Amino acid sequence: MSVWNPHYQKDKILLERVQHRFTRLFKDLRNLSYDDRLERLGLWSLEERRNRGDLIEVFKMVKGGLMSRGRHFSRGVQ
């Protein structure tokens, strides 16, 4: 298990709070909601980043599996 993709909801909330506090360091953004601060800073929530990372890993597995199957198939034909 990665620290960036914790299993327990309480751990996810704790990690998200770190980013939440970080976004409050910018004085001009303090009066905005957390989502608005993320948008202004060009950041994603940690949950969105974890989901994106999971999707990328699934894509790599599927793409890699298809590519390797294709290579084996093409070797047999040649």
N, C-alpha and C. Protein backbone atom coordinates (compact mmCIF):
# COMPACT_ATOMS: atom_id res chain seq x y z
N MET A 1 0.84 -1.17 0.00
CA MET A 1 0.00 0.00 0.00
C MET A 1 0.89 1.24 0.00
N SER A 2 0.51 2.21 -0.77
CA SER A 2 1.24 3.46 -0.85
C SER A 2 0.66 4.47 0.14
N VAL A 3 1.50 5.35 0.63
CA VAL A 3 1.01 6.39 1.54
C VAL A 3 0.04 7.32 0.81
N TRP A 4 0.19 7.42 -0.51
CA TRP A 4 -0.68 8.31 -1.28
C TRP A 4 -2.00 7.66 -1.63
N ASN A 5 -2.14 6.39 -1.36
CA ASN A 5 -3.41 5.72 -1.63
C ASN A 5 -3.78 4.86 -0.43
N PRO A 6 -4.06 5.52 0.70
CA PRO A 6 -4.36 4.76 1.92
C PRO A 6 -5.69 4.02 1.82
N HIS A 7 -5.79 2.97 2.59
CA HIS A 7 -6.99 2.13 2.56
C HIS A 7 -8.12 2.73 3.40
N TYR A 8 -7.78 3.27 4.55
CA TYR A 8 -8.80 3.75 5.47
C TYR A 8 -9.20 5.19 5.17
N GLN A 9 -10.51 5.44 5.26
CA GLN A 9 -11.05 6.77 4.99
C GLN A 9 -10.43 7.82 5.92
N LYS A 10 -10.21 7.46 7.18
CA LYS A 10 -9.64 8.43 8.13
C LYS A 10 -8.25 8.87 7.68
N ASP A 11 -7.47 7.97 7.08
CA ASP A 11 -6.15 8.33 6.59
C ASP A 11 -6.24 9.23 5.36
N LYS A 12 -7.22 8.97 4.52
CA LYS A 12 -7.43 9.82 3.35
C LYS A 12 -7.78 11.25 3.77
N ILE A 13 -8.63 11.35 4.78
CA ILE A 13 -9.04 12.66 5.29
C ILE A 13 -7.84 13.40 5.88
N LEU A 14 -7.01 12.69 6.63
CA LEU A 14 -5.82 13.32 7.21
C LEU A 14 -4.89 13.85 6.13
N LEU A 15 -4.66 13.08 5.08
CA LEU A 15 -3.81 13.53 4.00
C LEU A 15 -4.40 14.74 3.28
N GLU A 16 -5.69 14.71 3.06
CA GLU A 16 -6.36 15.82 2.37
C GLU A 16 -6.26 17.09 3.21
N ARG A 17 -6.29 16.96 4.52
CA ARG A 17 -6.17 18.13 5.39
C ARG A 17 -4.83 18.83 5.23
N VAL A 18 -3.78 18.07 4.94
CA VAL A 18 -2.47 18.68 4.73
C VAL A 18 -2.52 19.62 3.54
N GLN A 19 -3.11 19.16 2.44
CA GLN A 19 -3.22 20.02 1.26
C GLN A 19 -4.16 21.19 1.54
N HIS A 20 -5.21 20.93 2.30
CA HIS A 20 -6.17 21.97 2.66
C HIS A 20 -5.45 23.08 3.42
N ARG A 21 -4.61 22.70 4.38
CA ARG A 21 -3.86 23.71 5.14
C ARG A 21 -2.86 24.44 4.25
N PHE A 22 -2.23 23.72 3.34
CA PHE A 22 -1.27 24.34 2.44
C PHE A 22 -1.93 25.43 1.61
N THR A 23 -3.12 25.17 1.09
CA THR A 23 -3.79 26.16 0.25
C THR A 23 -4.18 27.40 1.03
N ARG A 24 -4.31 27.28 2.35
CA ARG A 24 -4.63 28.45 3.18
C ARG A 24 -3.42 29.34 3.45
N LEU A 25 -2.23 28.91 3.07
CA LEU A 25 -1.04 29.72 3.26
C LEU A 25 -1.02 30.95 2.36
N PHE A 26 -1.80 30.92 1.29
CA PHE A 26 -1.86 32.03 0.35
C PHE A 26 -2.92 33.02 0.82
N LYS A 27 -2.46 34.18 1.28
CA LYS A 27 -3.36 35.17 1.90
C LYS A 27 -4.49 35.59 0.98
N ASP A 28 -4.20 35.72 -0.30
CA ASP A 28 -5.23 36.17 -1.25
C ASP A 28 -6.34 35.14 -1.45
N LEU A 29 -6.08 33.90 -1.10
CA LEU A 29 -7.04 32.82 -1.37
C LEU A 29 -7.78 32.36 -0.12
N ARG A 30 -7.42 32.86 1.03
CA ARG A 30 -7.99 32.36 2.28
C ARG A 30 -9.50 32.46 2.36
N ASN A 31 -10.08 33.46 1.73
CA ASN A 31 -11.53 33.64 1.83
C ASN A 31 -12.30 32.75 0.85
N LEU A 32 -11.58 32.02 0.00
CA LEU A 32 -12.24 31.14 -0.98
C LEU A 32 -12.47 29.76 -0.39
N SER A 33 -13.37 29.02 -0.99
CA SER A 33 -13.59 27.63 -0.57
C SER A 33 -12.39 26.79 -0.99
N TYR A 34 -12.27 25.63 -0.41
CA TYR A 34 -11.15 24.73 -0.72
C TYR A 34 -11.11 24.40 -2.21
N ASP A 35 -12.26 24.07 -2.78
CA ASP A 35 -12.31 23.74 -4.21
C ASP A 35 -11.88 24.91 -5.07
N ASP A 36 -12.31 26.12 -4.70
CA ASP A 36 -11.91 27.30 -5.46
C ASP A 36 -10.41 27.57 -5.33
N ARG A 37 -9.86 27.35 -4.14
CA ARG A 37 -8.42 27.52 -3.96
C ARG A 37 -7.65 26.54 -4.82
N LEU A 38 -8.10 25.29 -4.86
CA LEU A 38 -7.44 24.29 -5.70
C LEU A 38 -7.47 24.71 -7.16
N GLU A 39 -8.61 25.19 -7.60
CA GLU A 39 -8.75 25.60 -8.99
C GLU A 39 -7.82 26.77 -9.32
N ARG A 40 -7.77 27.75 -8.45
CA ARG A 40 -6.91 28.92 -8.67
C ARG A 40 -5.44 28.53 -8.69
N LEU A 41 -5.07 27.56 -7.87
CA LEU A 41 -3.67 27.12 -7.80
C LEU A 41 -3.33 26.07 -8.85
N GLY A 42 -4.34 25.62 -9.59
CA GLY A 42 -4.10 24.60 -10.61
C GLY A 42 -3.80 23.24 -10.03
N LEU A 43 -4.39 22.95 -8.86
CA LEU A 43 -4.18 21.66 -8.19
C LEU A 43 -5.43 20.81 -8.25
N TRP A 44 -5.23 19.51 -8.07
CA TRP A 44 -6.34 18.57 -7.93
C TRP A 44 -6.40 18.15 -6.48
N SER A 45 -7.58 17.72 -6.05
CA SER A 45 -7.66 17.17 -4.71
C SER A 45 -6.86 15.87 -4.68
N LEU A 46 -6.43 15.46 -3.51
CA LEU A 46 -5.64 14.24 -3.42
C LEU A 46 -6.45 13.03 -3.86
N GLU A 47 -7.74 13.04 -3.61
CA GLU A 47 -8.61 11.94 -4.06
C GLU A 47 -8.61 11.85 -5.59
N GLU A 48 -8.70 13.01 -6.25
CA GLU A 48 -8.67 13.02 -7.72
C GLU A 48 -7.32 12.53 -8.24
N ARG A 49 -6.25 12.93 -7.56
CA ARG A 49 -4.92 12.48 -7.98
C ARG A 49 -4.76 10.98 -7.79
N ARG A 50 -5.29 10.44 -6.69
CA ARG A 50 -5.21 8.98 -6.48
C ARG A 50 -6.01 8.25 -7.55
N ASN A 51 -7.20 8.74 -7.86
CA ASN A 51 -8.02 8.11 -8.90
C ASN A 51 -7.32 8.15 -10.25
N ARG A 52 -6.73 9.29 -10.58
CA ARG A 52 -6.01 9.43 -11.85
C ARG A 52 -4.84 8.44 -11.90
N GLY A 53 -4.10 8.35 -10.80
CA GLY A 53 -2.97 7.41 -10.75
C GLY A 53 -3.42 5.97 -10.94
N ASP A 54 -4.56 5.62 -10.31
CA ASP A 54 -5.09 4.27 -10.46
C ASP A 54 -5.48 3.99 -11.92
N LEU A 55 -6.11 4.97 -12.56
CA LEU A 55 -6.51 4.80 -13.96
C LEU A 55 -5.30 4.66 -14.87
N ILE A 56 -4.25 5.42 -14.60
CA ILE A 56 -3.03 5.31 -15.39
C ILE A 56 -2.42 3.92 -15.24
N GLU A 57 -2.40 3.40 -14.02
CA GLU A 57 -1.84 2.06 -13.81
C GLU A 57 -2.66 0.99 -14.52
N VAL A 58 -3.99 1.11 -14.48
CA VAL A 58 -4.84 0.16 -15.19
C VAL A 58 -4.58 0.24 -16.69
N PHE A 59 -4.46 1.47 -17.20
CA PHE A 59 -4.17 1.65 -18.63
C PHE A 59 -2.85 0.98 -18.99
N LYS A 60 -1.82 1.17 -18.17
CA LYS A 60 -0.52 0.55 -18.44
C LYS A 60 -0.63 -0.96 -18.47
N MET A 61 -1.41 -1.52 -17.53
CA MET A 61 -1.56 -2.98 -17.49
C MET A 61 -2.27 -3.48 -18.74
N VAL A 62 -3.35 -2.79 -19.10
CA VAL A 62 -4.11 -3.23 -20.28
C VAL A 62 -3.29 -3.03 -21.54
N LYS A 63 -2.70 -1.86 -21.68
CA LYS A 63 -1.91 -1.55 -22.87
C LYS A 63 -0.70 -2.48 -22.95
N GLY A 64 -0.03 -2.71 -21.85
CA GLY A 64 1.12 -3.60 -21.83
C GLY A 64 0.74 -5.02 -22.15
N GLY A 65 -0.39 -5.46 -21.62
CA GLY A 65 -0.86 -6.81 -21.89
C GLY A 65 -1.21 -7.01 -23.35
N LEU A 66 -1.85 -6.01 -23.94
CA LEU A 66 -2.22 -6.11 -25.34
C LEU A 66 -0.98 -6.06 -26.23
N MET A 67 -0.04 -5.21 -25.86
CA MET A 67 1.18 -5.10 -26.67
C MET A 67 1.99 -6.38 -26.61
N SER A 68 2.11 -6.96 -25.42
CA SER A 68 2.91 -8.17 -25.33
C SER A 68 2.22 -9.32 -26.05
N ARG A 69 0.90 -9.38 -25.98
CA ARG A 69 0.19 -10.43 -26.71
C ARG A 69 0.38 -10.24 -28.21
N GLY A 70 0.37 -8.99 -28.64
CA GLY A 70 0.57 -8.71 -30.07
C GLY A 70 1.95 -9.11 -30.53
N ARG A 71 2.95 -8.87 -29.71
CA ARG A 71 4.33 -9.24 -30.07
C ARG A 71 4.47 -10.75 -30.21
N HIS A 72 3.88 -11.47 -29.26
CA HIS A 72 3.97 -12.93 -29.34
C HIS A 72 3.25 -13.44 -30.59
N PHE A 73 2.13 -12.83 -30.87
CA PHE A 73 1.37 -13.27 -32.04
C PHE A 73 2.16 -12.98 -33.32
N SER A 74 2.75 -11.78 -33.40
CA SER A 74 3.45 -11.44 -34.64
C SER A 74 4.70 -12.29 -34.83
N ARG A 75 5.35 -12.69 -33.75
CA ARG A 75 6.51 -13.56 -33.87
C ARG A 75 6.13 -14.92 -34.46
N GLY A 76 4.97 -15.39 -34.03
CA GLY A 76 4.52 -16.69 -34.52
C GLY A 76 4.16 -16.66 -36.00
N VAL A 77 3.69 -15.54 -36.48
CA VAL A 77 3.27 -15.43 -37.88
C VAL A 77 4.48 -15.30 -38.78
N GLN A 78 5.51 -14.58 -38.33
CA GLN A 78 6.67 -14.35 -39.19
C GLN A 78 7.40 -15.60 -39.32
